[in-house]
């Protein structure tokens, strides 16, 4: 997980803190489940043109970062680490792991933020949203986001690799806490990479609720004044982000559950790691690190399930696809 710092810990102490075998198999299970759930939804996107809408682009972006972080980089390396009882894979693999824990997890964080900001744009500026928000624009936004995050975060990983790498076998694969440059750099980066997206997502939700209520009241007011059904339709189209109110409501439900899951799964570990970075707290560091990473993995597992349940088009396509596969079998 992001911007974690090493503490003087030997392999023996690592084995003593927590059940190593339990965390080994937990990582193996999450590698498989995250790959299956996120990969299944991504397959649906590739095979069904109707799902590849501008908004769905951000969900594809999120699912891809979930797979990369959990099933390709961090969970497999964590599983190998627990299998050996300490980080025995060397400096290059440690750099690969830190790239995942800092750069790729920040991409995941911003993927959630882009989904929230997309809803804010749709609610606050519905006309410009319908006019300018195309699939091409959403792809460009995602690509630019990835480029900026690499430009901001990757240098820290490379500098730590080239100049300040600690003994991974003894102190684990983490940023070097004994060097002021990497420590201060890491603390500063933790805010734009992880804290700010989390705060923005939580702060945006009540604003979206307020704007939706405001739009609904205006629609009712306009209908009452004119008594014309066409006025109600026009007003709702003007203020709701999508073509139909029901579809907008389903998108809002998806946003609600996503915000709640982020609050439960991301807030505690982000707060903990931020406090560790500032104060150097070492109380049950290894055990809490494992717990924080476990919560991050749960979020990666929840994302595809949540969106599949809440978004009607995606849910219907998933049902149809699964029925066809079972019927053929």
Protein backbone atom coordinates (compact mmCIF):
# COMPACT_ATOMS: atom_id res chain seq x y z
CA UNK A 1 0.00 0.00 0.00
CA UNK A 2 1.13 3.59 -0.59
CA UNK A 3 4.25 5.20 0.77
CA UNK A 4 4.98 2.71 3.50
CA UNK A 5 8.25 3.04 5.41
CA UNK A 6 10.51 0.35 6.75
CA UNK A 7 11.27 -0.18 10.41
CA UNK A 8 14.10 -2.17 11.94
CA UNK A 9 12.53 -5.60 11.66
CA UNK A 10 14.25 -8.93 11.16
CA UNK A 11 12.70 -11.92 9.33
CA UNK A 12 12.16 -13.69 12.65
CA UNK A 13 10.06 -10.80 13.97
CA UNK A 14 8.15 -10.72 10.68
CA UNK A 15 7.19 -14.35 11.15
CA UNK A 16 6.16 -13.73 14.74
CA UNK A 17 3.78 -10.90 13.88
CA UNK A 18 0.70 -12.48 12.31
CA UNK A 19 0.13 -15.84 10.70
CA UNK A 20 2.43 -15.92 7.65
CA UNK A 21 0.65 -18.89 6.09
CA UNK A 22 -2.72 -17.17 6.49
CA UNK A 23 -1.52 -14.05 4.66
CA UNK A 24 0.13 -16.20 1.99
CA UNK A 25 -3.11 -17.93 1.07
CA UNK A 26 -5.11 -14.74 1.49
CA UNK A 27 -2.97 -13.10 -1.19
CA UNK A 28 -3.29 -16.14 -3.46
CA UNK A 29 -7.08 -16.07 -3.10
CA UNK A 30 -7.25 -12.35 -3.85
CA UNK A 31 -4.99 -12.72 -6.90
CA UNK A 32 -7.48 -15.20 -8.34
CA UNK A 33 -10.71 -13.50 -7.29
CA UNK A 34 -9.69 -9.99 -8.35
CA UNK A 35 -8.51 -11.30 -11.73
CA UNK A 36 -11.76 -13.24 -12.28
CA UNK A 37 -14.22 -10.55 -11.19
CA UNK A 38 -12.50 -7.54 -12.75
CA UNK A 39 -11.44 -9.53 -15.81
CA UNK A 40 -14.98 -10.83 -16.40
CA UNK A 41 -16.43 -7.32 -16.47
CA UNK A 42 -13.64 -6.13 -18.79
CA UNK A 43 -14.42 -9.02 -21.17
CA UNK A 44 -18.02 -7.83 -21.28
CA UNK A 45 -16.84 -4.35 -22.25
CA UNK A 46 -14.67 -5.69 -25.07
CA UNK A 47 -17.44 -7.88 -26.52
CA UNK A 48 -20.43 -5.56 -26.25
CA UNK A 49 -20.36 -2.21 -28.00
CA UNK A 50 -23.36 -0.87 -26.09
CA UNK A 51 -21.35 -0.95 -22.84
CA UNK A 52 -18.49 1.17 -24.16
CA UNK A 53 -20.02 4.53 -23.26
CA UNK A 54 -17.96 7.55 -22.18
CA UNK A 55 -18.84 6.98 -18.52
CA UNK A 56 -18.01 3.27 -18.69
CA UNK A 57 -14.49 4.21 -19.85
CA UNK A 58 -13.65 5.28 -16.30
CA UNK A 59 -14.91 1.95 -14.96
CA UNK A 60 -12.71 0.07 -17.45
CA UNK A 61 -9.82 2.27 -16.32
CA UNK A 62 -10.54 1.37 -12.68
CA UNK A 63 -10.86 -2.37 -13.33
CA UNK A 64 -7.61 -2.44 -15.29
CA UNK A 65 -5.72 -0.74 -12.46
CA UNK A 66 -7.29 -3.18 -9.97
CA UNK A 67 -6.00 -6.15 -11.95
CA UNK A 68 -2.56 -4.62 -12.43
CA UNK A 69 -2.11 -3.79 -8.74
CA UNK A 70 -3.69 -6.85 -7.16
CA UNK A 71 -3.26 -9.72 -9.60
CA UNK A 72 -0.06 -8.74 -11.43
CA UNK A 73 2.17 -6.77 -9.06
CA UNK A 74 1.50 -6.50 -5.35
CA UNK A 75 -0.47 -9.57 -4.27
CA UNK A 76 1.77 -12.07 -6.15
CA UNK A 77 4.91 -10.49 -4.68
CA UNK A 78 3.31 -10.43 -1.22
CA UNK A 79 2.45 -14.12 -1.57
CA UNK A 80 6.06 -14.97 -2.47
CA UNK A 81 7.29 -12.85 0.43
CA UNK A 82 5.07 -14.70 2.92
CA UNK A 83 6.06 -18.04 1.39
CA UNK A 84 9.70 -17.33 2.23
CA UNK A 85 9.01 -15.56 5.52
CA UNK A 86 10.82 -12.40 4.43
CA UNK A 87 11.52 -10.38 1.29
CA UNK A 88 14.04 -12.61 -0.45
CA UNK A 89 13.51 -11.58 -4.11
CA UNK A 90 16.07 -8.79 -4.43
CA UNK A 91 16.22 -5.11 -5.24
CA UNK A 92 14.70 -5.22 -8.75
CA UNK A 93 11.58 -7.04 -7.58
CA UNK A 94 11.36 -4.60 -4.66
CA UNK A 95 11.36 -1.69 -7.13
CA UNK A 96 8.64 -3.48 -9.10
CA UNK A 97 6.66 -3.87 -5.87
CA UNK A 98 7.12 -0.22 -4.86
CA UNK A 99 6.01 0.84 -8.35
CA UNK A 100 2.79 -1.05 -7.75
CA UNK A 101 2.29 0.18 -4.19
CA UNK A 102 2.87 3.84 -5.04
CA UNK A 103 2.22 4.50 -8.73
CA UNK A 104 -0.41 1.89 -9.61
CA UNK A 105 -2.40 2.31 -6.39
CA UNK A 106 -2.47 6.06 -7.02
CA UNK A 107 -3.93 5.29 -10.47
CA UNK A 108 -6.62 3.22 -8.75
CA UNK A 109 -7.29 6.07 -6.34
CA UNK A 110 -7.67 8.57 -9.17
CA UNK A 111 -9.88 6.15 -11.12
CA UNK A 112 -12.44 6.39 -8.32
CA UNK A 113 -11.99 10.16 -8.26
CA UNK A 114 -12.59 10.44 -12.02
CA UNK A 115 -15.88 8.54 -11.64
CA UNK A 116 -16.97 10.98 -8.93
CA UNK A 117 -15.89 14.07 -10.90
CA UNK A 118 -17.72 12.74 -13.93
CA UNK A 119 -20.94 12.69 -11.91
CA UNK A 120 -20.25 16.21 -10.63
CA UNK A 121 -19.83 17.46 -14.21
CA UNK A 122 -23.02 15.68 -15.29
CA UNK A 123 -25.04 17.20 -12.45
CA UNK A 124 -23.65 20.75 -12.44
CA UNK A 125 -23.18 21.29 -16.19
CA UNK A 126 -25.55 18.83 -17.89
CA UNK A 127 -25.62 20.60 -21.27
CA UNK A 128 -21.84 20.78 -21.70
CA UNK A 129 -21.61 17.21 -20.38
CA UNK A 130 -23.90 15.87 -23.11
CA UNK A 131 -22.22 18.00 -25.75
CA UNK A 132 -18.53 17.53 -25.00
CA UNK A 133 -18.17 14.35 -22.96
CA UNK A 134 -17.43 11.79 -25.66
CA UNK A 135 -15.71 8.43 -25.45
CA UNK A 136 -12.63 9.96 -27.03
CA UNK A 137 -12.50 12.66 -24.34
CA UNK A 138 -12.88 10.12 -21.53
CA UNK A 139 -10.01 8.05 -22.97
CA UNK A 140 -7.82 11.16 -23.21
CA UNK A 141 -8.64 12.07 -19.60
CA UNK A 142 -7.62 8.60 -18.40
CA UNK A 143 -4.39 8.55 -20.43
CA UNK A 144 -3.39 12.03 -19.26
CA UNK A 145 -4.12 11.03 -15.65
CA UNK A 146 -1.84 7.99 -15.94
CA UNK A 147 0.93 10.10 -17.48
CA UNK A 148 0.72 12.79 -14.78
CA UNK A 149 0.74 10.25 -11.94
CA UNK A 150 3.81 8.52 -13.41
CA UNK A 151 5.52 11.87 -13.86
CA UNK A 152 4.83 12.80 -10.22
CA UNK A 153 5.34 9.48 -8.40
CA UNK A 154 7.76 7.37 -10.44
CA UNK A 155 10.87 9.51 -9.74
CA UNK A 156 10.59 8.73 -6.01
CA UNK A 157 10.67 4.99 -6.72
CA UNK A 158 13.64 5.33 -9.07
CA UNK A 159 15.65 7.56 -6.73
CA UNK A 160 15.08 5.14 -3.89
CA UNK A 161 16.21 2.26 -6.14
CA UNK A 162 19.35 3.96 -7.41
CA UNK A 163 20.56 5.79 -4.29
CA UNK A 164 18.89 4.82 -1.03
CA UNK A 165 17.71 1.21 -1.18
CA UNK A 166 17.79 -0.59 2.18
CA UNK A 167 18.48 -4.28 2.79
CA UNK A 168 15.14 -5.84 1.81
CA UNK A 169 15.91 -9.17 3.44
CA UNK A 170 16.37 -7.51 6.83
CA UNK A 171 14.03 -4.52 6.80
CA UNK A 172 11.53 -5.42 4.11
CA UNK A 173 10.72 -3.79 0.79
CA UNK A 174 9.89 -0.19 1.67
CA UNK A 175 11.09 3.33 1.12
CA UNK A 176 14.17 4.16 3.14
CA UNK A 177 13.04 6.00 6.30
CA UNK A 178 16.58 6.94 7.35
CA UNK A 179 17.13 9.38 4.49
CA UNK A 180 15.46 12.75 4.80
CA UNK A 181 15.03 13.19 1.05
CA UNK A 182 12.92 10.09 0.47
CA UNK A 183 11.02 10.44 3.73
CA UNK A 184 9.98 14.07 3.19
CA UNK A 185 9.38 13.43 -0.51
CA UNK A 186 7.14 10.49 0.32
CA UNK A 187 5.17 12.40 2.94
CA UNK A 188 4.58 15.30 0.55
CA UNK A 189 3.51 12.96 -2.25
CA UNK A 190 1.07 11.07 -0.04
CA UNK A 191 -1.28 14.06 -0.05
CA UNK A 192 -1.84 14.57 -3.80
CA UNK A 193 -1.64 10.84 -4.54
CA UNK A 194 -3.90 9.40 -1.83
CA UNK A 195 -5.24 11.86 0.74
CA UNK A 196 -6.63 14.48 -1.66
CA UNK A 197 -8.55 11.99 -3.88
CA UNK A 198 -10.07 10.41 -0.79
CA UNK A 199 -11.14 13.78 0.63
CA UNK A 200 -12.50 14.97 -2.73
CA UNK A 201 -14.58 11.81 -3.22
CA UNK A 202 -16.15 12.11 0.22
CA UNK A 203 -16.70 15.86 -0.08
CA UNK A 204 -18.23 15.62 -3.57
CA UNK A 205 -20.95 13.19 -2.56
CA UNK A 206 -23.04 15.56 -0.36
CA UNK A 207 -22.61 18.23 -3.05
CA UNK A 208 -24.02 15.84 -5.67
CA UNK A 209 -26.93 14.99 -3.36
CA UNK A 210 -27.65 18.69 -2.91
CA UNK A 211 -27.56 19.43 -6.65
CA UNK A 212 -29.83 16.48 -7.42
CA UNK A 213 -32.40 17.66 -4.88
CA UNK A 214 -32.14 21.18 -6.27
CA UNK A 215 -32.75 19.91 -9.82
CA UNK A 216 -35.72 17.83 -8.69
CA UNK A 217 -37.32 20.78 -6.88
CA UNK A 218 -36.87 22.99 -9.94
CA UNK A 219 -38.42 20.32 -12.17
CA UNK A 220 -41.44 20.03 -9.87
CA UNK A 221 -41.75 23.81 -9.65
CA UNK A 222 -41.68 24.26 -13.41
CA UNK A 223 -44.24 21.49 -13.89
CA UNK A 224 -46.56 23.04 -11.30
CA UNK A 225 -46.33 26.46 -12.93
CA UNK A 226 -46.99 25.39 -16.48
CA UNK A 227 -49.06 22.26 -15.93
CA UNK A 228 -47.52 20.98 -19.12
CA UNK A 229 -46.08 17.48 -19.25
CA UNK A 230 -43.61 18.50 -21.92
CA UNK A 231 -42.18 21.08 -19.53
CA UNK A 232 -41.47 18.34 -16.99
CA UNK A 233 -39.67 16.26 -19.60
CA UNK A 234 -37.62 19.18 -20.83
CA UNK A 235 -36.69 20.27 -17.33
CA UNK A 236 -35.63 16.79 -16.29
CA UNK A 237 -33.51 16.43 -19.42
CA UNK A 238 -31.94 19.78 -18.70
CA UNK A 239 -30.91 18.99 -15.13
CA UNK A 240 -30.35 15.24 -15.04
CA UNK A 241 -27.00 13.97 -16.32
CA UNK A 242 -28.39 11.19 -18.49
CA UNK A 243 -31.27 10.80 -20.92
CA UNK A 244 -33.65 9.21 -18.45
CA UNK A 245 -34.22 9.87 -14.78
CA UNK A 246 -34.22 6.16 -13.95
CA UNK A 247 -30.81 5.68 -15.52
CA UNK A 248 -29.50 8.68 -13.64
CA UNK A 249 -30.84 7.24 -10.39
CA UNK A 250 -29.04 3.95 -11.01
CA UNK A 251 -25.81 5.82 -11.65
CA UNK A 252 -26.34 7.72 -8.42
CA UNK A 253 -26.92 4.46 -6.53
CA UNK A 254 -23.64 3.11 -7.94
CA UNK A 255 -21.86 6.28 -6.85
CA UNK A 256 -23.41 5.99 -3.38
CA UNK A 257 -22.18 2.45 -2.83
CA UNK A 258 -18.77 3.25 -4.31
CA UNK A 259 -18.36 6.21 -1.95
CA UNK A 260 -19.42 4.11 1.04
CA UNK A 261 -17.01 1.29 0.15
CA UNK A 262 -14.13 3.73 -0.26
CA UNK A 263 -14.98 5.27 3.10
CA UNK A 264 -14.85 1.85 4.77
CA UNK A 265 -11.95 0.24 2.90
CA UNK A 266 -9.64 3.15 2.04
CA UNK A 267 -10.00 5.73 4.79
CA UNK A 268 -8.55 3.69 7.72
CA UNK A 269 -5.35 2.54 5.92
CA UNK A 270 -4.74 5.94 4.29
CA UNK A 271 -5.11 7.69 7.65
CA UNK A 272 -2.83 5.14 9.29
CA UNK A 273 -0.06 5.37 6.69
CA UNK A 274 -0.24 9.15 6.73
CA UNK A 275 0.23 9.15 10.50
CA UNK A 276 3.11 6.70 10.20
CA UNK A 277 4.78 8.91 7.63
CA UNK A 278 4.53 11.98 9.83
CA UNK A 279 5.19 10.56 13.27
CA UNK A 280 7.12 7.36 12.64
CA UNK A 281 4.70 5.29 14.72
CA UNK A 282 5.79 1.68 15.01
CA UNK A 283 2.93 0.15 17.00
CA UNK A 284 2.08 -3.22 15.38
CA UNK A 285 3.38 -1.81 12.10
CA UNK A 286 3.61 -5.11 10.24
CA UNK A 287 0.22 -6.37 11.36
CA UNK A 288 -1.50 -3.07 10.55
CA UNK A 289 0.24 -2.92 7.17
CA UNK A 290 -1.17 -6.34 6.35
CA UNK A 291 -4.62 -5.31 7.53
CA UNK A 292 -4.50 -2.14 5.43
CA UNK A 293 -3.45 -4.04 2.33
CA UNK A 294 -6.23 -6.58 3.00
CA UNK A 295 -8.80 -3.75 3.00
CA UNK A 296 -7.37 -2.41 -0.24
CA UNK A 297 -7.77 -5.87 -1.80
CA UNK A 298 -11.37 -6.02 -0.60
CA UNK A 299 -12.07 -2.73 -2.39
CA UNK A 300 -10.63 -4.14 -5.62
CA UNK A 301 -12.96 -7.12 -5.26
CA UNK A 302 -16.00 -5.00 -4.44
CA UNK A 303 -15.66 -2.58 -7.39
CA UNK A 304 -16.72 -4.90 -10.26
CA UNK A 305 -19.46 -6.54 -8.19
CA UNK A 306 -20.85 -3.17 -7.15
CA UNK A 307 -20.98 -1.69 -10.65
CA UNK A 308 -22.42 -4.88 -12.13
CA UNK A 309 -25.27 -4.85 -9.62
CA UNK A 310 -26.02 -1.12 -9.84
CA UNK A 311 -25.72 -0.47 -13.60
CA UNK A 312 -28.63 -2.04 -15.45
CA UNK A 313 -27.01 -2.41 -18.88
CA UNK A 314 -23.97 -4.07 -17.39
CA UNK A 315 -26.06 -6.35 -15.18
CA UNK A 316 -28.29 -7.48 -18.05
CA UNK A 317 -25.30 -8.13 -20.30
CA UNK A 318 -23.59 -10.15 -17.55
CA UNK A 319 -26.72 -12.26 -17.03
CA UNK A 320 -27.11 -12.88 -20.76
CA UNK A 321 -23.45 -13.77 -21.19
CA UNK A 322 -23.45 -16.19 -18.26
CA UNK A 323 -26.70 -17.83 -19.40
CA UNK A 324 -25.28 -18.39 -22.88
CA UNK A 325 -22.08 -19.88 -21.48
CA UNK A 326 -23.96 -22.28 -19.16
CA UNK A 327 -26.42 -23.24 -21.91
CA UNK A 328 -23.55 -24.15 -24.24
CA UNK A 329 -21.97 -26.21 -21.50
